[in-house]
C-alpha atoms as a PDB file:
ATOM      1  CA  MET A   1      37.255   7.379  58.757  1.00  0.00           C
ATOM      2  CA  SER A   2      40.515   5.985  56.718  1.00  0.00           C
ATOM      3  CA  SER A   3      40.019   3.731  53.638  1.00  0.00           C
ATOM      4  CA  VAL A   4      41.923   0.779  55.749  1.00  0.00           C
ATOM      5  CA  ASP A   5      38.831   1.402  58.153  1.00  0.00           C
ATOM      6  CA  LYS A   6      36.595   1.465  56.380  1.00  0.00           C
ATOM      7  CA  ALA A   7      37.812  -1.451  54.160  1.00  0.00           C
ATOM      8  CA  LEU A   8      37.879  -3.547  57.467  1.00  0.00           C
ATOM      9  CA  GLU A   9      33.927  -2.628  58.065  1.00  0.00           C
ATOM     10  CA  THR A  10      33.089  -3.729  54.973  1.00  0.00           C
ATOM     11  CA  GLN A  11      34.688  -6.874  55.659  1.00  0.00           C
ATOM     12  CA  LEU A  12      33.322  -7.590  58.710  1.00  0.00           C
ATOM     13  CA  HIS A  13      29.962  -6.826  56.874  1.00  0.00           C
ATOM     14  CA  ASN A  14      30.193  -9.312  54.644  1.00  0.00           C
ATOM     15  CA  ILE A  15      31.550 -12.095  57.245  1.00  0.00           C
ATOM     16  CA  GLN A  16      28.404 -11.777  59.344  1.00  0.00           C
ATOM     17  CA  THR A  17      26.226 -12.112  56.076  1.00  0.00           C
ATOM     18  CA  LYS A  18      28.555 -15.017  55.168  1.00  0.00           C
ATOM     19  CA  THR A  19      28.213 -16.453  58.620  1.00  0.00           C
ATOM     20  CA  GLY A  20      24.532 -15.075  59.382  1.00  0.00           C
ATOM     21  CA  GLN A  21      25.788 -14.135  63.246  1.00  0.00           C
ATOM     22  CA  PRO A  22      26.417 -10.081  64.522  1.00  0.00           C
ATOM     23  CA  LEU A  23      30.125  -9.605  65.102  1.00  0.00           C
ATOM     24  CA  GLU A  24      29.453  -9.816  69.218  1.00  0.00           C
ATOM     25  CA  ALA A  25      28.421 -13.756  68.808  1.00  0.00           C
ATOM     26  CA  LEU A  26      31.410 -14.145  66.721  1.00  0.00           C
ATOM     27  CA  ILE A  27      33.743 -12.821  69.010  1.00  0.00           C
ATOM     28  CA  ARG A  28      31.908 -14.763  71.991  1.00  0.00           C
ATOM     29  CA  LEU A  29      32.617 -17.912  69.565  1.00  0.00           C
ATOM     30  CA  ILE A  30      36.048 -17.752  69.749  1.00  0.00           C
ATOM     31  CA  GLN A  31      36.223 -16.442  73.233  1.00  0.00           C
ATOM     32  CA  THR A  32      35.056 -19.698  74.577  1.00  0.00           C
ATOM     33  CA  SER A  33      36.506 -21.721  72.189  1.00  0.00           C
ATOM     34  CA  GLY A  34      39.280 -22.718  74.521  1.00  0.00           C
ATOM     35  CA  LEU A  35      41.978 -21.878  71.626  1.00  0.00           C
ATOM     36  CA  SER A  36      44.801 -18.947  72.314  1.00  0.00           C
ATOM     37  CA  LYS A  37      46.794 -19.199  69.187  1.00  0.00           C
ATOM     38  CA  HIS A  38      46.638 -17.439  66.394  1.00  0.00           C
ATOM     39  CA  SER A  39      46.552 -20.044  63.733  1.00  0.00           C
ATOM     40  CA  GLU A  40      44.410 -21.927  65.662  1.00  0.00           C
ATOM     41  CA  ILE A  41      41.574 -19.907  65.992  1.00  0.00           C
ATOM     42  CA  ARG A  42      42.110 -18.902  62.672  1.00  0.00           C
ATOM     43  CA  GLN A  43      41.823 -22.781  61.601  1.00  0.00           C
ATOM     44  CA  MET A  44      38.347 -23.130  63.476  1.00  0.00           C
ATOM     45  CA  LEU A  45      36.310 -20.349  61.767  1.00  0.00           C
ATOM     46  CA  GLN A  46      37.730 -21.615  58.012  1.00  0.00           C
ATOM     47  CA  ARG A  47      36.760 -25.288  59.442  1.00  0.00           C
ATOM     48  CA  ASP A  48      33.648 -24.813  61.368  1.00  0.00           C
ATOM     49  CA  LEU A  49      32.362 -21.585  59.379  1.00  0.00           C
ATOM     50  CA  GLY A  50      33.684 -21.599  56.107  1.00  0.00           C
ATOM     51  CA  LEU A  51      35.320 -18.773  56.254  1.00  0.00           C
ATOM     52  CA  GLY A  52      38.256 -18.188  53.821  1.00  0.00           C
ATOM     53  CA  TYR A  53      41.509 -17.743  54.852  1.00  0.00           C
ATOM     54  CA  GLY A  54      41.035 -13.938  54.849  1.00  0.00           C
ATOM     55  CA  ASP A  55      37.879 -13.625  56.383  1.00  0.00           C
ATOM     56  CA  ALA A  56      39.333 -16.162  59.134  1.00  0.00           C
ATOM     57  CA  ASN A  57      42.767 -14.346  59.725  1.00  0.00           C
ATOM     58  CA  THR A  58      40.716 -10.870  60.541  1.00  0.00           C
ATOM     59  CA  LEU A  59      38.077 -12.173  62.703  1.00  0.00           C
ATOM     60  CA  ALA A  60      40.712 -13.651  64.569  1.00  0.00           C
ATOM     61  CA  HIS A  61      42.232 -10.465  64.928  1.00  0.00           C
ATOM     62  CA  VAL A  62      39.621  -8.511  65.924  1.00  0.00           C
ATOM     63  CA  ALA A  63      38.281 -11.169  68.696  1.00  0.00           C
ATOM     64  CA  THR A  64      41.759 -11.129  70.021  1.00  0.00           C
ATOM     65  CA  LYS A  65      42.074  -7.208  70.591  1.00  0.00           C
ATOM     66  CA  ALA A  66      38.661  -7.534  71.825  1.00  0.00           C
ATOM     67  CA  GLY A  67      39.379  -9.886  74.069  1.00  0.00           C
ATOM     68  CA  SER A  68      42.938  -8.374  75.330  1.00  0.00           C
ATOM     69  CA  ALA A  69      41.156  -4.575  75.630  1.00  0.00           C
ATOM     70  CA  ALA A  70      38.356  -6.683  77.989  1.00  0.00           C
ATOM     71  CA  ALA A  71      40.940  -7.917  79.872  1.00  0.00           C
ATOM     72  CA  GLY A  72      43.351  -4.651  79.864  1.00  0.00           C
ATOM     73  CA  GLU A  73      46.066  -6.128  78.077  1.00  0.00           C
ATOM     74  CA  THR A  74      47.857  -4.585  74.970  1.00  0.00           C
ATOM     75  CA  ALA A  75      46.431  -6.054  71.982  1.00  0.00           C
ATOM     76  CA  GLU A  76      47.749  -7.506  68.522  1.00  0.00           C
ATOM     77  CA  PRO A  77      48.154  -4.344  65.994  1.00  0.00           C
ATOM     78  CA  ALA A  78      44.700  -3.337  64.240  1.00  0.00           C
ATOM     79  CA  LEU A  79      45.203  -3.264  60.593  1.00  0.00           C
ATOM     80  CA  GLU A  80      45.245   0.603  60.303  1.00  0.00           C
ATOM     81  CA  GLN A  81      48.185   0.152  62.865  1.00  0.00           C
ATOM     82  CA  LEU A  82      49.776  -2.551  60.702  1.00  0.00           C
ATOM     83  CA  VAL A  83      49.114  -0.096  57.796  1.00  0.00           C
ATOM     84  CA  GLU A  84      50.819   2.685  59.882  1.00  0.00           C
ATOM     85  CA  GLU A  85      53.779   1.005  60.505  1.00  0.00           C
ATOM     86  CA  MET A  86      54.710   0.636  56.911  1.00  0.00           C
ATOM     87  CA  TYR A  87      54.600   3.852  55.851  1.00  0.00           C
ATOM     88  CA  THR A  88      56.821   5.305  58.789  1.00  0.00           C
ATOM     89  CA  GLY A  89      60.252   7.100  58.705  1.00  0.00           C
ATOM     90  CA  GLY A  90      61.316   7.871  54.719  1.00  0.00           C
ATOM     91  CA  LYS A  91      58.028   5.908  53.710  1.00  0.00           C
ATOM     92  CA  ALA A  92      56.013   8.804  55.160  1.00  0.00           C
ATOM     93  CA  PRO A  93      55.930  10.395  52.345  1.00  0.00           C
ATOM     94  CA  LEU A  94      54.404   7.429  50.133  1.00  0.00           C
ATOM     95  CA  ARG A  95      50.752   7.282  52.070  1.00  0.00           C
ATOM     96  CA  PRO A  96      48.843   9.160  49.791  1.00  0.00           C
ATOM     97  CA  ILE A  97      49.764   6.617  47.082  1.00  0.00           C
ATOM     98  CA  HIS A  98      48.518   3.826  49.320  1.00  0.00           C
ATOM     99  CA  ASP A  99      45.036   5.917  50.342  1.00  0.00           C
ATOM    100  CA  LYS A 100      44.292   6.729  46.857  1.00  0.00           C
ATOM    101  CA  LEU A 101      44.853   3.083  45.696  1.00  0.00           C
ATOM    102  CA  MET A 102      42.996   1.743  48.565  1.00  0.00           C
ATOM    103  CA  ALA A 103      40.195   4.168  48.036  1.00  0.00           C
ATOM    104  CA  ALA A 104      39.606   3.328  44.287  1.00  0.00           C
ATOM    105  CA  ILE A 105      39.954  -0.375  44.804  1.00  0.00           C
ATOM    106  CA  ASN A 106      37.105  -0.445  47.939  1.00  0.00           C
ATOM    107  CA  GLN A 107      34.714   0.964  44.998  1.00  0.00           C
ATOM    108  CA  PHE A 108      35.596  -2.784  43.142  1.00  0.00           C
ATOM    109  CA  GLY A 109      33.127  -4.210  45.882  1.00  0.00           C
ATOM    110  CA  PRO A 110      33.539  -7.024  48.698  1.00  0.00           C
ATOM    111  CA  LEU A 111      37.517  -8.152  49.527  1.00  0.00           C
ATOM    112  CA  GLU A 112      39.847  -9.361  52.391  1.00  0.00           C
ATOM    113  CA  ILE A 113      42.119  -6.737  53.613  1.00  0.00           C
ATOM    114  CA  ALA A 114      45.177  -8.596  54.754  1.00  0.00           C
ATOM    115  CA  PRO A 115      47.688  -6.245  56.443  1.00  0.00           C
ATOM    116  CA  LYS A 116      51.109  -7.710  56.806  1.00  0.00           C
ATOM    117  CA  LYS A 117      54.406  -6.421  58.581  1.00  0.00           C
ATOM    118  CA  GLY A 118      55.460  -4.902  54.690  1.00  0.00           C
ATOM    119  CA  TYR A 119      52.946  -5.150  52.293  1.00  0.00           C
ATOM    120  CA  VAL A 120      49.302  -5.109  52.471  1.00  0.00           C
ATOM    121  CA  SER A 121      47.876  -8.326  50.827  1.00  0.00           C
ATOM    122  CA  LEU A 122      44.050  -7.981  48.683  1.00  0.00           C
ATOM    123  CA  ARG A 123      42.332 -10.931  47.805  1.00  0.00           C
ATOM    124  CA  ARG A 124      38.530 -12.590  47.251  1.00  0.00           C
ATOM    125  CA  LYS A 125      39.068 -15.866  47.107  1.00  0.00           C
ATOM    126  CA  ARG A 126      42.564 -15.611  46.242  1.00  0.00           C
ATOM    127  CA  GLN A 127      45.255 -12.840  46.084  1.00  0.00           C
ATOM    128  CA  PHE A 128      44.538 -10.477  43.279  1.00  0.00           C
ATOM    129  CA  ALA A 129      47.089  -7.734  44.598  1.00  0.00           C
ATOM    130  CA  MET A 130      49.755  -6.592  46.861  1.00  0.00           C
ATOM    131  CA  ILE A 131      50.439  -3.020  47.621  1.00  0.00           C
ATOM    132  CA  THR A 132      54.042  -2.672  49.382  1.00  0.00           C
ATOM    133  CA  PRO A 133      56.166   0.668  50.088  1.00  0.00           C
ATOM    134  CA  ALA A 134      59.112  -0.709  48.418  1.00  0.00           C
ATOM    135  CA  THR A 135      61.575   2.120  48.590  1.00  0.00           C
ATOM    136  CA  GLN A 136      61.234   5.447  50.493  1.00  0.00           C
ATOM    137  CA  THR A 137      60.393   6.933  46.637  1.00  0.00           C
ATOM    138  CA  ARG A 138      58.576   3.759  45.444  1.00  0.00           C
ATOM    139  CA  VAL A 139      55.613   1.703  45.891  1.00  0.00           C
ATOM    140  CA  GLU A 140      54.833  -1.318  43.973  1.00  0.00           C
ATOM    141  CA  VAL A 141      51.857  -3.216  43.139  1.00  0.00           C
ATOM    142  CA  GLY A 142      52.236  -6.685  42.961  1.00  0.00           C
ATOM    143  CA  LEU A 143      49.011  -7.817  40.182  1.00  0.00           C
ATOM    144  CA  ASN A 144      47.905 -11.363  39.671  1.00  0.00           C
ATOM    145  CA  LEU A 145      46.421 -11.076  35.893  1.00  0.00           C
ATOM    146  CA  LYS A 146      46.185 -13.968  33.720  1.00  0.00           C
ATOM    147  CA  GLU A 147      44.693 -12.479  30.152  1.00  0.00           C
ATOM    148  CA  ALA A 148      47.900  -9.486  30.341  1.00  0.00           C
ATOM    149  CA  ALA A 149      50.976  -8.789  28.321  1.00  0.00           C
ATOM    150  CA  ALA A 150      53.711  -7.004  30.021  1.00  0.00           C
ATOM    151  CA  THR A 151      54.516  -3.673  28.927  1.00  0.00           C
ATOM    152  CA  GLU A 152      56.674  -0.869  29.758  1.00  0.00           C
ATOM    153  CA  ARG A 153      54.661  -0.158  32.804  1.00  0.00           C
ATOM    154  CA  LEU A 154      53.698  -3.175  33.342  1.00  0.00           C
ATOM    155  CA  ILE A 155      56.181  -5.355  34.034  1.00  0.00           C
ATOM    156  CA  ALA A 156      56.214  -9.244  34.445  1.00  0.00           C
ATOM    157  CA  MET A 157      57.717 -11.130  37.541  1.00  0.00           C
ATOM    158  CA  PRO A 158      60.208 -14.107  37.694  1.00  0.00           C
ATOM    159  CA  LYS A 159      58.079 -17.497  37.816  1.00  0.00           C
ATOM    160  CA  GLY A 160      57.104 -18.011  41.470  1.00  0.00           C
ATOM    161  CA  SER A 161      56.255 -15.078  42.407  1.00  0.00           C
ATOM    162  CA  MET A 162      53.900 -13.939  44.450  1.00  0.00           C
ATOM    163  CA  CYS A 163      52.561 -11.830  41.770  1.00  0.00           C
ATOM    164  CA  GLN A 164      52.835 -11.999  37.841  1.00  0.00           C
ATOM    165  CA  PHE A 165      52.905  -8.563  37.268  1.00  0.00           C
ATOM    166  CA  LYS A 166      54.062  -5.319  39.192  1.00  0.00           C
ATOM    167  CA  VAL A 167      53.472  -1.943  38.763  1.00  0.00           C
ATOM    168  CA  ASN A 168      55.730   1.050  40.267  1.00  0.00           C
ATOM    169  CA  VAL A 169      53.933   4.314  42.050  1.00  0.00           C
ATOM    170  CA  THR A 170      55.986   6.758  42.839  1.00  0.00           C
ATOM    171  CA  GLU A 171      53.420   9.771  42.635  1.00  0.00           C
ATOM    172  CA  ALA A 172      49.637   9.656  43.439  1.00  0.00           C
ATOM    173  CA  ASP A 173      48.465  11.246  40.443  1.00  0.00           C
ATOM    174  CA  GLN A 174      49.868   7.528  38.683  1.00  0.00           C
ATOM    175  CA  VAL A 175      47.239   6.225  40.352  1.00  0.00           C
ATOM    176  CA  ASP A 176      44.950   6.445  36.939  1.00  0.00           C
ATOM    177  CA  GLY A 177      42.700   4.442  34.483  1.00  0.00           C
ATOM    178  CA  GLU A 178      45.187   2.541  33.015  1.00  0.00           C
ATOM    179  CA  LEU A 179      46.405   1.064  36.729  1.00  0.00           C
ATOM    180  CA  LEU A 180      43.111   0.807  38.073  1.00  0.00           C
ATOM    181  CA  GLY A 181      41.756  -1.006  35.035  1.00  0.00           C
ATOM    182  CA  TRP A 182      44.546  -3.288  35.521  1.00  0.00           C
ATOM    183  CA  ILE A 183      43.657  -3.854  39.221  1.00  0.00           C
ATOM    184  CA  LYS A 184      39.856  -4.166  38.424  1.00  0.00           C
ATOM    185  CA  ALA A 185      40.904  -6.866  35.843  1.00  0.00           C
ATOM    186  CA  ALA A 186      43.096  -9.120  38.799  1.00  0.00           C
ATOM    187  CA  TYR A 187      39.960  -8.143  41.288  1.00  0.00           C
ATOM    188  CA  ASP A 188      37.580  -9.720  38.509  1.00  0.00           C
ATOM    189  CA  GLY A 189      39.792 -12.644  37.980  1.00  0.00           C
ATOM    190  CA  SER A 190      40.072 -13.716  41.439  1.00  0.00           C
ATOM    191  CA  ALA A 191      36.459 -14.028  42.691  1.00  0.00           C
END
């Protein structure tokens, strides 16, 4: 099981715990809601079940995929597929960096993983990190750290950026104790 699949499984388990409902009941709720737009489904889940944006977004994707598969339609890309698409072509050699980061981050505890078109957002109550295959030779790890000072490796981002800091990673062995310590501090600060 890939790190993304494991994280999705953990997130779905946490959603079921939060709502007190099995996944099948949640999917049935969405499918019988009469809503078809992803954004409307997500908003309904946030409003009616009190889910956060990331959990509601993931559940909407899972339910849409389940409904499309049952109807014999092509489903929206699964989370793993979105990550796969980020690491194609010249960026494919960067995938081991991503996998090593996710394997370590998944050990921190519950989190929401929200792959976008070009990056993966990691959230608890709010985003604490982003993983982006920025170039064919570099993954950028964006971090939201309140109590940190910039260093040569921990690069401060301009005001208004999605993250306060970034760390450039060009090899999997650069996913070390220092980087994981910053990520864990960001994780802890986003509860």
